[in-house]
Amino acid sequence: PIPLELDWKQQIVDSRGIRSIHIPESRHPSLYVETDDRKIHAFDPAIGTYQWITPIGVSLQAPPCATEHTLYLVGGHMLLSIDIAPRDPPARPSGILRWRLPLDFAPSGRPAAGGRSEELPQDPFVAIAALTNALHVIPVKTL
């Protein structure tokens, strides 16, 4: 057998339990842990240090997606946006819940976020599939 060593271990503070773990592709990779108390905990995957904790108030229905500055989450008929990297201007700290948007449809999977060009200062849309087999595209530049 190959001997394995534990790289790091981190206790999840103030939580009733871990619900899910996610590592979306991003320029700023983090390990995101959803807890039973409806919070997202972010860790540095290399050394295990806490980056931030954000209450989201819903349980995730699908894994989140990430862009350079933003983590998008779907849960409880809501689309949520959390800043995961500072942006200028204005500079906001990471882990801030930027907005939550009620959805008038039942999401059926992971959101996808993108832009029309690399030069855009923020993500222009988020796409979400619905249980009705419809694709919903939401412009987020104005939110």
C-alpha atoms as a PDB file:
ATOM      1  CA  PRO A   1       0.000   0.000   0.000  1.00  0.00           C
ATOM      2  CA  ILE A   2       1.036   3.579  -0.660  1.00  0.00           C
ATOM      3  CA  PRO A   3       1.410   5.555   2.583  1.00  0.00           C
ATOM      4  CA  LEU A   4      -0.681   8.724   2.538  1.00  0.00           C
ATOM      5  CA  GLU A   5      -0.162  11.721   4.763  1.00  0.00           C
ATOM      6  CA  LEU A   6      -2.748  14.280   5.822  1.00  0.00           C
ATOM      7  CA  ASP A   7      -1.951  17.606   4.185  1.00  0.00           C
ATOM      8  CA  TRP A   8      -4.123  19.719   6.469  1.00  0.00           C
ATOM      9  CA  LYS A   9      -7.228  19.544   8.632  1.00  0.00           C
ATOM     10  CA  GLN A  10      -9.579  22.361   9.582  1.00  0.00           C
ATOM     11  CA  GLN A  11     -12.463  22.250  12.027  1.00  0.00           C
ATOM     12  CA  ILE A  12     -15.643  23.853  10.640  1.00  0.00           C
ATOM     13  CA  VAL A  13     -16.595  26.386  13.303  1.00  0.00           C
ATOM     14  CA  ASP A  14     -20.126  27.216  14.467  1.00  0.00           C
ATOM     15  CA  SER A  15     -21.774  24.566  12.316  1.00  0.00           C
ATOM     16  CA  ARG A  16     -24.177  21.659  12.747  1.00  0.00           C
ATOM     17  CA  GLY A  17     -22.476  19.699   9.966  1.00  0.00           C
ATOM     18  CA  ILE A  18     -21.064  19.722   6.448  1.00  0.00           C
ATOM     19  CA  ARG A  19     -23.646  19.465   3.665  1.00  0.00           C
ATOM     20  CA  SER A  20     -21.444  19.679   0.540  1.00  0.00           C
ATOM     21  CA  ILE A  21     -17.949  20.592  -0.673  1.00  0.00           C
ATOM     22  CA  HIS A  22     -17.158  22.399  -3.942  1.00  0.00           C
ATOM     23  CA  ILE A  23     -14.069  23.482  -5.868  1.00  0.00           C
ATOM     24  CA  PRO A  24     -15.306  25.426  -8.922  1.00  0.00           C
ATOM     25  CA  GLU A  25     -12.777  26.434 -11.552  1.00  0.00           C
ATOM     26  CA  SER A  26     -11.653  30.002 -10.958  1.00  0.00           C
ATOM     27  CA  ARG A  27      -8.639  32.256 -11.164  1.00  0.00           C
ATOM     28  CA  HIS A  28      -8.774  32.400  -7.373  1.00  0.00           C
ATOM     29  CA  PRO A  29      -9.238  28.729  -6.415  1.00  0.00           C
ATOM     30  CA  SER A  30     -10.853  28.072  -3.075  1.00  0.00           C
ATOM     31  CA  LEU A  31     -12.493  25.167  -1.361  1.00  0.00           C
ATOM     32  CA  TYR A  32     -16.121  26.068  -0.611  1.00  0.00           C
ATOM     33  CA  VAL A  33     -17.953  24.172   2.128  1.00  0.00           C
ATOM     34  CA  GLU A  34     -21.728  24.415   2.503  1.00  0.00           C
ATOM     35  CA  THR A  35     -22.888  23.709   6.057  1.00  0.00           C
ATOM     36  CA  ASP A  36     -26.251  22.595   7.430  1.00  0.00           C
ATOM     37  CA  ASP A  37     -26.737  26.028   8.989  1.00  0.00           C
ATOM     38  CA  ARG A  38     -26.892  27.546   5.468  1.00  0.00           C
ATOM     39  CA  LYS A  39     -23.477  29.169   5.353  1.00  0.00           C
ATOM     40  CA  ILE A  40     -20.621  29.017   2.856  1.00  0.00           C
ATOM     41  CA  HIS A  41     -17.127  28.644   4.313  1.00  0.00           C
ATOM     42  CA  ALA A  42     -14.144  29.373   2.046  1.00  0.00           C
ATOM     43  CA  PHE A  43     -10.713  27.838   2.592  1.00  0.00           C
ATOM     44  CA  ASP A  44      -7.347  28.164   0.915  1.00  0.00           C
ATOM     45  CA  PRO A  45      -6.973  24.692  -0.634  1.00  0.00           C
ATOM     46  CA  ALA A  46      -3.169  24.751  -0.387  1.00  0.00           C
ATOM     47  CA  ILE A  47      -2.821  25.330   3.364  1.00  0.00           C
ATOM     48  CA  GLY A  48      -6.354  25.073   4.805  1.00  0.00           C
ATOM     49  CA  THR A  49      -6.710  28.530   6.297  1.00  0.00           C
ATOM     50  CA  TYR A  50     -10.152  30.094   6.592  1.00  0.00           C
ATOM     51  CA  GLN A  51     -10.732  32.838   4.025  1.00  0.00           C
ATOM     52  CA  TRP A  52     -14.295  33.821   4.992  1.00  0.00           C
ATOM     53  CA  ILE A  53     -17.735  32.625   6.136  1.00  0.00           C
ATOM     54  CA  THR A  54     -20.952  33.962   4.592  1.00  0.00           C
ATOM     55  CA  PRO A  55     -24.534  33.182   5.652  1.00  0.00           C
ATOM     56  CA  ILE A  56     -26.648  32.494   2.538  1.00  0.00           C
ATOM     57  CA  GLY A  57     -29.978  31.542   4.139  1.00  0.00           C
ATOM     58  CA  VAL A  58     -30.745  28.732   1.661  1.00  0.00           C
ATOM     59  CA  SER A  59     -29.569  25.200   0.938  1.00  0.00           C
ATOM     60  CA  LEU A  60     -27.774  24.780  -2.380  1.00  0.00           C
ATOM     61  CA  GLN A  61     -29.636  22.877  -5.082  1.00  0.00           C
ATOM     62  CA  ALA A  62     -26.539  22.415  -7.245  1.00  0.00           C
ATOM     63  CA  PRO A  63     -22.796  23.084  -7.168  1.00  0.00           C
ATOM     64  CA  PRO A  64     -21.868  26.771  -7.514  1.00  0.00           C
ATOM     65  CA  CYS A  65     -19.971  28.254 -10.427  1.00  0.00           C
ATOM     66  CA  ALA A  66     -17.214  30.833 -10.166  1.00  0.00           C
ATOM     67  CA  THR A  67     -15.738  33.557 -12.317  1.00  0.00           C
ATOM     68  CA  GLU A  68     -12.736  35.742 -11.646  1.00  0.00           C
ATOM     69  CA  HIS A  69     -14.493  37.806  -8.964  1.00  0.00           C
ATOM     70  CA  THR A  70     -17.798  36.106  -8.188  1.00  0.00           C
ATOM     71  CA  LEU A  71     -19.278  32.874  -6.870  1.00  0.00           C
ATOM     72  CA  TYR A  72     -22.826  32.188  -8.156  1.00  0.00           C
ATOM     73  CA  LEU A  73     -25.099  29.875  -6.185  1.00  0.00           C
ATOM     74  CA  VAL A  74     -28.628  28.532  -6.700  1.00  0.00           C
ATOM     75  CA  GLY A  75     -30.842  27.517  -3.810  1.00  0.00           C
ATOM     76  CA  GLY A  76     -34.443  27.893  -2.691  1.00  0.00           C
ATOM     77  CA  HIS A  77     -35.612  29.515  -5.955  1.00  0.00           C
ATOM     78  CA  MET A  78     -32.856  32.144  -5.523  1.00  0.00           C
ATOM     79  CA  LEU A  79     -29.728  33.104  -7.442  1.00  0.00           C
ATOM     80  CA  LEU A  80     -27.028  34.460  -5.128  1.00  0.00           C
ATOM     81  CA  SER A  81     -23.776  36.291  -5.826  1.00  0.00           C
ATOM     82  CA  ILE A  82     -20.785  36.345  -3.456  1.00  0.00           C
ATOM     83  CA  ASP A  83     -17.628  38.376  -4.084  1.00  0.00           C
ATOM     84  CA  ILE A  84     -14.652  35.993  -4.000  1.00  0.00           C
ATOM     85  CA  ALA A  85     -11.894  38.391  -5.049  1.00  0.00           C
ATOM     86  CA  PRO A  86     -11.492  42.151  -4.688  1.00  0.00           C
ATOM     87  CA  ARG A  87     -12.407  44.255  -7.696  1.00  0.00           C
ATOM     88  CA  ASP A  88     -11.473  47.876  -8.329  1.00  0.00           C
ATOM     89  CA  PRO A  89     -13.325  50.175  -8.135  1.00  0.00           C
ATOM     90  CA  PRO A  90     -14.870  49.788  -5.610  1.00  0.00           C
ATOM     91  CA  ALA A  91     -12.753  47.379  -3.639  1.00  0.00           C
ATOM     92  CA  ARG A  92     -14.919  45.031  -1.579  1.00  0.00           C
ATOM     93  CA  PRO A  93     -13.553  42.322   0.669  1.00  0.00           C
ATOM     94  CA  SER A  94     -14.037  38.716  -0.348  1.00  0.00           C
ATOM     95  CA  GLY A  95     -16.961  36.761   1.052  1.00  0.00           C
ATOM     96  CA  ILE A  96     -19.516  39.573   0.803  1.00  0.00           C
ATOM     97  CA  LEU A  97     -22.998  38.514  -0.326  1.00  0.00           C
ATOM     98  CA  ARG A  98     -23.473  41.023  -3.136  1.00  0.00           C
ATOM     99  CA  TRP A  99     -27.083  40.234  -4.056  1.00  0.00           C
ATOM    100  CA  ARG A 100     -29.830  37.614  -4.035  1.00  0.00           C
ATOM    101  CA  LEU A 101     -32.360  37.435  -6.846  1.00  0.00           C
ATOM    102  CA  PRO A 102     -35.673  35.568  -6.458  1.00  0.00           C
ATOM    103  CA  LEU A 103     -36.312  33.194  -9.374  1.00  0.00           C
ATOM    104  CA  ASP A 104     -39.829  32.626 -10.714  1.00  0.00           C
ATOM    105  CA  PHE A 105     -38.909  29.117 -11.854  1.00  0.00           C
ATOM    106  CA  ALA A 106     -37.521  25.939 -10.299  1.00  0.00           C
ATOM    107  CA  PRO A 107     -33.812  25.570 -11.168  1.00  0.00           C
ATOM    108  CA  SER A 108     -32.680  22.131 -12.261  1.00  0.00           C
ATOM    109  CA  GLY A 109     -28.919  22.319 -12.147  1.00  0.00           C
ATOM    110  CA  ARG A 110     -25.678  24.186 -11.734  1.00  0.00           C
ATOM    111  CA  PRO A 111     -25.580  27.798 -12.937  1.00  0.00           C
ATOM    112  CA  ALA A 112     -23.102  28.853 -15.624  1.00  0.00           C
ATOM    113  CA  ALA A 113     -21.626  32.351 -15.810  1.00  0.00           C
ATOM    114  CA  GLY A 114     -19.792  34.005 -18.632  1.00  0.00           C
ATOM    115  CA  GLY A 115     -18.899  37.075 -20.535  1.00  0.00           C
ATOM    116  CA  ARG A 116     -18.815  38.231 -24.093  1.00  0.00           C
ATOM    117  CA  SER A 117     -15.173  39.360 -23.876  1.00  0.00           C
ATOM    118  CA  GLU A 118     -12.250  39.291 -21.464  1.00  0.00           C
ATOM    119  CA  GLU A 119     -12.264  43.105 -21.238  1.00  0.00           C
ATOM    120  CA  LEU A 120     -15.625  43.363 -19.479  1.00  0.00           C
ATOM    121  CA  PRO A 121     -15.212  44.499 -15.854  1.00  0.00           C
ATOM    122  CA  GLN A 122     -17.816  42.062 -14.553  1.00  0.00           C
ATOM    123  CA  ASP A 123     -19.757  39.026 -15.694  1.00  0.00           C
ATOM    124  CA  PRO A 124     -22.553  39.986 -18.084  1.00  0.00           C
ATOM    125  CA  PHE A 125     -24.823  36.934 -17.587  1.00  0.00           C
ATOM    126  CA  VAL A 126     -25.684  33.811 -15.631  1.00  0.00           C
ATOM    127  CA  ALA A 127     -27.489  30.922 -17.315  1.00  0.00           C
ATOM    128  CA  ILE A 128     -29.691  28.536 -15.325  1.00  0.00           C
ATOM    129  CA  ALA A 129     -31.671  25.526 -16.523  1.00  0.00           C
ATOM    130  CA  ALA A 130     -35.238  25.108 -15.254  1.00  0.00           C
ATOM    131  CA  LEU A 131     -37.185  21.960 -14.439  1.00  0.00           C
ATOM    132  CA  THR A 132     -39.489  22.874 -17.346  1.00  0.00           C
ATOM    133  CA  ASN A 133     -36.572  22.197 -19.748  1.00  0.00           C
ATOM    134  CA  ALA A 134     -36.150  25.937 -20.393  1.00  0.00           C
ATOM    135  CA  LEU A 135     -32.891  27.885 -20.305  1.00  0.00           C
ATOM    136  CA  HIS A 136     -32.998  31.175 -18.393  1.00  0.00           C
ATOM    137  CA  VAL A 137     -30.270  33.752 -19.071  1.00  0.00           C
ATOM    138  CA  ILE A 138     -30.038  36.568 -16.536  1.00  0.00           C
ATOM    139  CA  PRO A 139     -27.946  39.683 -17.196  1.00  0.00           C
ATOM    140  CA  VAL A 140     -26.014  40.371 -14.019  1.00  0.00           C
ATOM    141  CA  LYS A 141     -24.090  43.470 -15.030  1.00  0.00           C
ATOM    142  CA  THR A 142     -26.904  45.691 -13.781  1.00  0.00           C
ATOM    143  CA  LEU A 143     -27.627  43.813 -10.545  1.00  0.00           C
END
